[in-house]
Amino acid sequence: MPVLPASTLTDGVVRRDDTLADGRRLYYYDDAGSTLPTERASDARVLDPRPDTATMRRDPLTDEWISIAAARQNRVFLPPADLDPLAPASPTNPSEVPDRYDVAVFENRSPSFGPATAADVDADADTAGSRAVGHTRASVGRCEVVCFSPEHEGSLGSQSPARLRTVVEAWADRTAALSEIPGIEQVFPFENRGEAIGVTLHHPHGQIYGYPYVTPRTQCLITQVERHGPGLFEEILAFESASERLILRGEHWSAFVPFAARWPLELHVMPHRHIADLAETDSAERGELAALLPRLLQGIDALYGDPTPYIAAWHQAPVRDHRDIRLTLQITSPRRAAARLKYLAGSESAMGAFIGDVLPEVQAAAWKEAVR
């Protein structure tokens, strides 16, 4: 078994770099003080070639890009535990990760963006600024899978603070690396949790997308910052910190239910100083975040006494511009009662006009009790 190239990151977390059988990159992130060996088994599988990079089509009615990634239709759907593709490989389960790990990150086998980058595409045939009807572009970028644990079941919130410290380090490290890839304009780490959200693997994992454009949600945010001024996030944090919607306040982070919450369960986690993305966080901020996340995510399960579906989404500033946007984690769930979900029907899906089902202050009171 080869000894992989290694880099020591913040607070003793070690990254070891590897390559899978079809050329995709794999990164092991070992916990500080990990007992795992420095050697790792190689990927011995014989794999089909990677799919071609998908194509984006511009919607002329909204100026938004839609990636048509048909290869995703073939991805694994809710496999049994003994065929978990994110578990460490075994003789009976030749998975995506060839050896034992603490946290592992690898390129998605069925990506929405990539594997091509802007450096691989003919610039004359890929004019991002074109507004012609029928305009297309290559879906360059990167999609990565982040395995939070080698265990088959669980989620981000079920990990220990020590393991979450490694996950936070992986997010920050991959944000920095993906931001350097030609053509990537925004980096988005996230976790989908629960079949009601659309999860196709029960293994505790998240993903990171490197988009070749600034996303529509962030474009709206840019407009608001330009209207309000660069102090918008500072004002929001002060406003929410003084409200009954504040759930937790640490030395470096605060968690609150936003004043205009769209979802029946919605929580924002914001740093106290201005940070554009996870790569800009320091050791103290990463450590406190790793301690804060289990309390919040276990709290969302305590609300109804069983696992609650949610999306945990890191909203980061674009890679090159508008760095006055502040990093924010937004946790949202459609669960509006113990046995009821909010469905995005006519108003939300067709018009993008949300109607809240739960008063944010009522939400906050429930969150506080659950976290307590």
Protein backbone atom coordinates (compact mmCIF):
# COMPACT_ATOMS: atom_id res chain seq x y z
CA MET A 1 0.00 0.00 0.00
CA PRO A 2 1.47 3.40 -0.94
CA VAL A 3 2.19 6.24 1.48
CA LEU A 4 0.14 9.15 0.10
CA PRO A 5 1.37 12.75 -0.20
CA ALA A 6 0.30 14.50 3.00
CA SER A 7 -0.26 18.07 4.17
CA THR A 8 -0.77 19.12 7.78
CA LEU A 9 -3.62 21.64 8.03
CA THR A 10 -4.97 23.69 10.94
CA ASP A 11 -5.00 22.14 14.44
CA GLY A 12 -3.38 18.86 13.41
CA VAL A 13 -5.82 17.74 10.71
CA VAL A 14 -3.89 15.94 7.94
CA ARG A 15 -4.90 15.73 4.27
CA ARG A 16 -3.68 12.80 2.17
CA ASP A 17 -4.12 13.02 -1.63
CA ASP A 18 -5.01 10.07 -3.84
CA THR A 19 -6.47 9.26 -7.28
CA LEU A 20 -9.31 6.83 -8.05
CA ALA A 21 -9.20 4.27 -10.85
CA ASP A 22 -10.93 6.55 -13.39
CA GLY A 23 -8.74 9.57 -12.62
CA ARG A 24 -11.00 11.35 -10.13
CA ARG A 25 -9.27 12.98 -7.18
CA LEU A 26 -9.73 11.65 -3.62
CA TYR A 27 -8.69 13.43 -0.43
CA TYR A 28 -8.49 11.78 2.99
CA TYR A 29 -8.81 14.17 5.95
CA ASP A 30 -7.48 12.49 9.08
CA ASP A 31 -8.63 13.68 12.51
CA ALA A 32 -6.04 15.33 14.73
CA GLY A 33 -4.42 12.41 16.56
CA SER A 34 -5.95 9.87 14.15
CA THR A 35 -4.82 6.27 14.58
CA LEU A 36 -5.18 5.50 10.86
CA PRO A 37 -1.98 4.39 9.09
CA THR A 38 -0.11 6.64 6.69
CA GLU A 39 -0.48 3.99 3.96
CA ARG A 40 -3.77 3.62 2.07
CA ALA A 41 -4.93 0.94 -0.33
CA SER A 42 -5.14 1.86 -4.01
CA ASP A 43 -8.42 1.78 -5.96
CA ALA A 44 -8.30 -1.62 -7.72
CA ARG A 45 -11.61 -1.30 -9.59
CA VAL A 46 -11.99 -1.29 -13.36
CA LEU A 47 -14.30 1.66 -14.04
CA ASP A 48 -16.04 3.01 -17.10
CA PRO A 49 -14.71 6.29 -18.47
CA ARG A 50 -16.02 9.41 -16.80
CA PRO A 51 -19.13 10.95 -18.43
CA ASP A 52 -18.71 13.90 -20.74
CA THR A 53 -19.12 17.32 -19.19
CA ALA A 54 -22.78 18.34 -19.28
CA THR A 55 -24.14 21.35 -21.16
CA MET A 56 -25.87 24.38 -19.66
CA ARG A 57 -28.75 26.10 -21.39
CA ARG A 58 -29.66 29.73 -20.70
CA ASP A 59 -33.30 30.44 -19.87
CA PRO A 60 -34.02 33.64 -21.82
CA LEU A 61 -36.94 34.52 -19.53
CA THR A 62 -34.83 34.62 -16.34
CA ASP A 63 -31.22 34.79 -17.60
CA GLU A 64 -30.50 31.71 -15.45
CA TRP A 65 -28.35 28.75 -16.45
CA ILE A 66 -29.79 25.21 -16.33
CA SER A 67 -27.26 22.35 -16.37
CA ILE A 68 -28.64 19.37 -18.32
CA ALA A 69 -26.70 16.58 -16.60
CA ALA A 70 -28.44 13.46 -17.89
CA ALA A 71 -25.69 11.14 -16.55
CA ARG A 72 -27.07 11.75 -13.06
CA GLN A 73 -30.03 9.52 -13.91
CA ASN A 74 -27.75 6.51 -13.42
CA ARG A 75 -26.58 7.32 -9.88
CA VAL A 76 -27.08 4.85 -7.02
CA PHE A 77 -30.46 5.04 -5.26
CA LEU A 78 -30.82 3.98 -1.59
CA PRO A 79 -28.55 0.89 -1.69
CA PRO A 80 -28.48 -1.66 1.19
CA ALA A 81 -25.87 -1.18 3.90
CA ASP A 82 -23.62 -3.94 2.55
CA LEU A 83 -23.37 -2.11 -0.80
CA ASP A 84 -22.88 1.39 0.58
CA PRO A 85 -20.74 3.20 -2.05
CA LEU A 86 -19.42 5.66 0.55
CA ALA A 87 -18.26 3.08 3.10
CA PRO A 88 -14.59 2.05 3.17
CA ALA A 89 -14.05 -0.59 0.48
CA SER A 90 -14.15 -4.28 1.38
CA PRO A 91 -13.79 -7.51 -0.64
CA THR A 92 -17.57 -7.66 -1.08
CA ASN A 93 -18.14 -3.91 -1.50
CA PRO A 94 -15.70 -2.20 -3.90
CA SER A 95 -16.83 1.30 -2.94
CA GLU A 96 -15.78 4.82 -3.92
CA VAL A 97 -13.30 5.06 -1.00
CA PRO A 98 -10.66 2.30 -1.22
CA ASP A 99 -9.52 2.32 2.42
CA ARG A 100 -10.48 3.31 5.95
CA TYR A 101 -10.93 7.01 6.66
CA ASP A 102 -12.08 9.64 9.15
CA VAL A 103 -13.39 12.15 6.56
CA ALA A 104 -13.07 11.65 2.81
CA VAL A 105 -13.73 13.97 -0.14
CA PHE A 106 -13.80 12.82 -3.75
CA GLU A 107 -15.01 13.99 -7.14
CA ASN A 108 -18.59 12.93 -7.86
CA ARG A 109 -18.90 10.11 -10.36
CA SER A 110 -22.07 11.69 -11.85
CA PRO A 111 -21.40 15.43 -11.63
CA SER A 112 -23.69 18.32 -12.48
CA PHE A 113 -20.60 20.43 -13.26
CA GLY A 114 -17.27 19.20 -14.61
CA PRO A 115 -14.99 17.39 -14.91
CA ALA A 116 -13.90 19.94 -17.54
CA THR A 117 -12.75 23.35 -16.35
CA ALA A 118 -12.70 26.66 -18.19
CA ALA A 119 -9.11 25.87 -19.20
CA ASP A 120 -10.42 22.89 -21.20
CA VAL A 121 -13.10 24.82 -23.12
CA ASP A 122 -12.84 26.92 -26.27
CA ALA A 123 -13.40 30.45 -25.01
CA ASP A 124 -14.77 31.63 -28.38
CA ALA A 125 -17.49 28.98 -28.23
CA ASP A 126 -18.30 29.61 -24.56
CA THR A 127 -19.23 33.28 -24.24
CA ALA A 128 -20.78 33.69 -20.82
CA GLY A 129 -22.13 37.15 -21.61
CA SER A 130 -24.22 36.14 -24.62
CA ARG A 131 -27.96 36.81 -24.34
CA ALA A 132 -28.99 34.99 -27.52
CA VAL A 133 -32.04 32.72 -27.35
CA GLY A 134 -30.80 29.13 -27.48
CA HIS A 135 -27.39 29.97 -26.01
CA THR A 136 -25.47 27.08 -24.41
CA ARG A 137 -22.24 26.69 -22.44
CA ALA A 138 -20.26 23.75 -21.14
CA SER A 139 -21.12 22.92 -17.49
CA VAL A 140 -17.54 23.37 -16.35
CA GLY A 141 -16.73 23.25 -12.65
CA ARG A 142 -16.50 20.62 -9.98
CA CYS A 143 -18.83 18.49 -7.86
CA GLU A 144 -17.39 16.70 -4.83
CA VAL A 145 -18.80 14.33 -2.20
CA VAL A 146 -17.85 14.85 1.46
CA CYS A 147 -18.11 11.73 3.65
CA PHE A 148 -18.48 12.86 7.26
CA SER A 149 -17.85 9.41 8.73
CA PRO A 150 -17.10 5.81 7.63
CA GLU A 151 -20.32 4.66 9.34
CA HIS A 152 -23.31 3.73 7.18
CA GLU A 153 -25.89 5.83 9.03
CA GLY A 154 -25.93 9.27 10.63
CA SER A 155 -25.68 12.88 9.56
CA LEU A 156 -23.61 15.98 10.17
CA GLY A 157 -25.22 16.57 13.58
CA SER A 158 -24.53 13.04 14.83
CA GLN A 159 -20.76 13.49 14.56
CA SER A 160 -18.58 14.35 17.56
CA PRO A 161 -17.15 17.89 17.85
CA ALA A 162 -13.70 16.41 17.14
CA ARG A 163 -14.93 14.84 13.89
CA LEU A 164 -16.84 17.97 12.95
CA ARG A 165 -13.61 19.92 13.43
CA THR A 166 -12.15 17.74 10.66
CA VAL A 167 -15.22 18.30 8.47
CA VAL A 168 -14.95 22.09 8.91
CA GLU A 169 -11.27 21.86 7.96
CA ALA A 170 -12.19 19.88 4.83
CA TRP A 171 -14.83 22.48 3.86
CA ALA A 172 -12.34 25.31 4.27
CA ASP A 173 -9.56 23.49 2.43
CA ARG A 174 -11.77 22.49 -0.50
CA THR A 175 -13.28 26.00 -0.71
CA ALA A 176 -9.79 27.42 -1.12
CA ALA A 177 -8.78 24.76 -3.67
CA LEU A 178 -11.94 24.97 -5.79
CA SER A 179 -11.74 28.77 -5.83
CA GLU A 180 -8.46 28.41 -7.74
CA ILE A 181 -9.91 26.24 -10.54
CA PRO A 182 -10.34 28.19 -13.80
CA GLY A 183 -13.96 29.09 -14.44
CA ILE A 184 -15.37 28.44 -10.96
CA GLU A 185 -17.23 31.54 -9.76
CA GLN A 186 -18.84 30.32 -6.52
CA VAL A 187 -18.25 27.42 -4.08
CA PHE A 188 -21.19 25.87 -2.25
CA PRO A 189 -20.79 23.24 0.52
CA PHE A 190 -24.06 21.70 1.70
CA GLU A 191 -25.74 18.72 3.34
CA ASN A 192 -29.06 17.23 2.26
CA ARG A 193 -30.55 15.16 5.08
CA GLY A 194 -33.58 12.84 4.76
CA GLU A 195 -35.50 11.15 1.97
CA ALA A 196 -38.08 13.96 2.04
CA ILE A 197 -35.31 16.28 0.83
CA GLY A 198 -34.32 13.86 -1.94
CA VAL A 199 -31.37 12.03 -0.37
CA THR A 200 -30.39 8.89 -2.32
CA LEU A 201 -27.74 7.61 0.13
CA HIS A 202 -28.22 7.15 3.88
CA HIS A 203 -24.49 7.37 4.56
CA PRO A 204 -23.61 10.62 6.44
CA HIS A 205 -22.32 12.87 3.70
CA GLY A 206 -22.61 16.24 2.04
CA GLN A 207 -21.48 17.78 -1.22
CA ILE A 208 -19.54 20.73 -2.56
CA TYR A 209 -20.44 22.38 -5.88
CA GLY A 210 -18.06 24.65 -7.76
CA TYR A 211 -20.37 26.65 -10.06
CA PRO A 212 -19.26 28.28 -13.33
CA TYR A 213 -21.49 31.28 -12.56
CA VAL A 214 -22.76 33.24 -9.55
CA THR A 215 -25.99 31.56 -8.45
CA PRO A 216 -29.40 33.29 -8.74
CA ARG A 217 -29.82 33.47 -4.95
CA THR A 218 -26.47 35.21 -4.61
CA GLN A 219 -27.24 37.56 -7.50
CA CYS A 220 -30.29 38.75 -5.54
CA LEU A 221 -28.11 39.19 -2.46
CA ILE A 222 -25.61 41.26 -4.45
CA THR A 223 -28.42 43.59 -5.51
CA GLN A 224 -29.54 44.02 -1.87
CA VAL A 225 -26.01 44.75 -0.65
CA GLU A 226 -25.56 47.34 -3.40
CA ARG A 227 -28.86 48.99 -2.41
CA HIS A 228 -28.28 48.89 1.34
CA GLY A 229 -24.52 49.30 1.56
CA PRO A 230 -21.67 47.05 2.77
CA GLY A 231 -22.92 47.19 6.38
CA LEU A 232 -26.01 45.08 5.64
CA PHE A 233 -24.78 41.92 7.40
CA GLU A 234 -23.52 43.83 10.43
CA GLU A 235 -26.94 45.46 10.78
CA ILE A 236 -28.75 42.11 10.39
CA LEU A 237 -26.55 40.50 13.06
CA ALA A 238 -27.17 43.37 15.51
CA PHE A 239 -30.92 43.31 14.83
CA GLU A 240 -31.26 39.54 15.29
CA SER A 241 -28.93 39.44 18.32
CA ALA A 242 -31.24 41.86 20.14
CA SER A 243 -34.36 39.87 19.26
CA GLU A 244 -36.23 36.95 20.81
CA ARG A 245 -35.26 34.94 17.74
CA LEU A 246 -31.63 34.57 18.88
CA ILE A 247 -31.00 30.87 19.68
CA LEU A 248 -27.32 30.74 20.60
CA ARG A 249 -24.50 33.27 20.82
CA GLY A 250 -20.87 32.24 21.15
CA GLU A 251 -17.66 34.18 21.03
CA HIS A 252 -17.41 33.94 17.23
CA TRP A 253 -20.83 32.83 15.90
CA SER A 254 -24.52 33.53 16.49
CA ALA A 255 -27.51 31.40 15.49
CA PHE A 256 -30.97 32.89 14.98
CA VAL A 257 -34.31 32.35 13.28
CA PRO A 258 -34.46 35.15 10.68
CA PHE A 259 -37.08 37.87 10.92
CA ALA A 260 -38.60 36.91 7.54
CA ALA A 261 -38.17 33.13 7.69
CA ARG A 262 -39.55 31.39 4.61
CA TRP A 263 -39.52 27.85 5.95
CA PRO A 264 -41.37 26.24 8.90
CA LEU A 265 -37.90 25.58 10.34
CA GLU A 266 -35.15 28.02 9.37
CA LEU A 267 -31.97 28.90 11.22
CA HIS A 268 -29.08 31.14 10.17
CA VAL A 269 -25.58 30.87 11.67
CA MET A 270 -23.44 33.95 11.11
CA PRO A 271 -19.87 34.85 12.14
CA HIS A 272 -19.37 37.95 14.27
CA ARG A 273 -16.58 39.36 12.09
CA HIS A 274 -16.77 39.78 8.36
CA ILE A 275 -15.70 36.55 6.62
CA ALA A 276 -16.42 35.99 2.93
CA ASP A 277 -16.05 32.20 2.92
CA LEU A 278 -14.95 29.22 5.00
CA ALA A 279 -11.38 29.51 3.76
CA GLU A 280 -11.11 32.83 5.65
CA THR A 281 -12.10 31.39 9.05
CA ASP A 282 -9.38 31.04 11.67
CA SER A 283 -8.66 28.20 14.10
CA ALA A 284 -10.81 29.62 16.92
CA GLU A 285 -13.78 30.16 14.61
CA ARG A 286 -13.52 26.66 13.18
CA GLY A 287 -13.29 25.13 16.65
CA GLU A 288 -16.33 26.97 17.98
CA LEU A 289 -18.32 26.12 14.86
CA ALA A 290 -17.55 22.41 15.33
CA ALA A 291 -18.87 22.62 18.91
CA LEU A 292 -21.94 24.66 17.93
CA LEU A 293 -23.20 22.53 15.03
CA PRO A 294 -24.07 19.36 17.03
CA ARG A 295 -26.19 21.40 19.46
CA LEU A 296 -28.15 23.02 16.66
CA LEU A 297 -28.57 19.95 14.47
CA GLN A 298 -29.44 17.63 17.35
CA GLY A 299 -31.88 20.32 18.45
CA ILE A 300 -33.75 20.13 15.14
CA ASP A 301 -34.33 16.40 15.82
CA ALA A 302 -35.42 17.09 19.40
CA LEU A 303 -38.23 19.33 18.12
CA TYR A 304 -40.38 16.32 17.20
CA GLY A 305 -38.39 13.50 18.76
CA ASP A 306 -37.17 11.91 15.52
CA PRO A 307 -34.93 12.82 12.56
CA THR A 308 -36.05 15.96 10.73
CA PRO A 309 -35.26 16.41 7.02
CA TYR A 310 -33.25 19.55 6.30
CA ILE A 311 -30.78 21.30 4.01
CA ALA A 312 -27.70 22.82 5.63
CA ALA A 313 -26.35 25.30 3.07
CA TRP A 314 -23.20 27.43 3.27
CA HIS A 315 -23.84 30.73 1.49
CA GLN A 316 -20.40 32.05 0.53
CA ALA A 317 -19.31 35.13 -1.38
CA PRO A 318 -18.44 34.73 -5.07
CA VAL A 319 -14.83 33.77 -5.69
CA ARG A 320 -13.64 37.02 -7.28
CA ASP A 321 -16.13 39.82 -6.69
CA HIS A 322 -18.55 41.07 -4.03
CA ARG A 323 -16.41 39.88 -1.15
CA ASP A 324 -18.45 42.18 1.12
CA ILE A 325 -21.02 39.35 1.26
CA ARG A 326 -20.69 37.59 4.62
CA LEU A 327 -20.46 33.82 5.03
CA THR A 328 -23.72 32.41 6.45
CA LEU A 329 -24.95 28.88 7.16
CA GLN A 330 -28.68 28.55 6.44
CA ILE A 331 -30.45 25.45 7.79
CA THR A 332 -33.95 24.98 6.40
CA SER A 333 -36.57 22.26 6.73
CA PRO A 334 -40.03 21.81 5.17
CA ARG A 335 -41.29 20.06 8.32
CA ARG A 336 -44.17 22.16 9.65
CA ALA A 337 -45.54 19.62 12.15
CA ALA A 338 -44.67 16.15 13.40
CA ALA A 339 -46.33 14.45 10.41
CA ARG A 340 -46.67 17.34 7.95
CA LEU A 341 -44.36 18.84 5.35
CA LYS A 342 -44.56 22.15 3.56
CA TYR A 343 -44.74 21.55 -0.18
CA LEU A 344 -43.68 24.28 -2.58
CA ALA A 345 -46.92 24.54 -4.50
CA GLY A 346 -48.29 27.26 -6.79
CA SER A 347 -47.15 30.48 -5.15
CA GLU A 348 -43.68 29.29 -4.14
CA SER A 349 -42.84 27.12 -7.17
CA ALA A 350 -44.42 29.23 -9.91
CA MET A 351 -43.92 32.75 -8.58
CA GLY A 352 -41.12 32.38 -6.02
CA ALA A 353 -43.46 34.06 -3.52
CA PHE A 354 -43.18 32.31 -0.14
CA ILE A 355 -45.96 32.18 2.44
CA GLY A 356 -44.74 31.33 5.93
CA ASP A 357 -46.64 28.65 7.84
CA VAL A 358 -45.06 29.24 11.26
CA LEU A 359 -44.45 32.57 13.01
CA PRO A 360 -40.64 33.03 13.27
CA GLU A 361 -40.91 33.91 16.96
CA VAL A 362 -42.82 30.66 17.62
CA GLN A 363 -40.14 28.79 15.69
CA ALA A 364 -37.44 30.40 17.80
CA ALA A 365 -39.10 29.48 21.08
CA ALA A 366 -39.27 25.83 19.98
CA TRP A 367 -35.65 25.86 18.77
CA LYS A 368 -34.44 27.30 22.09
CA GLU A 369 -36.20 24.62 24.09
CA ALA A 370 -34.95 21.87 21.78
CA VAL A 371 -31.34 23.10 21.93
CA ARG A 372 -31.60 23.46 25.71
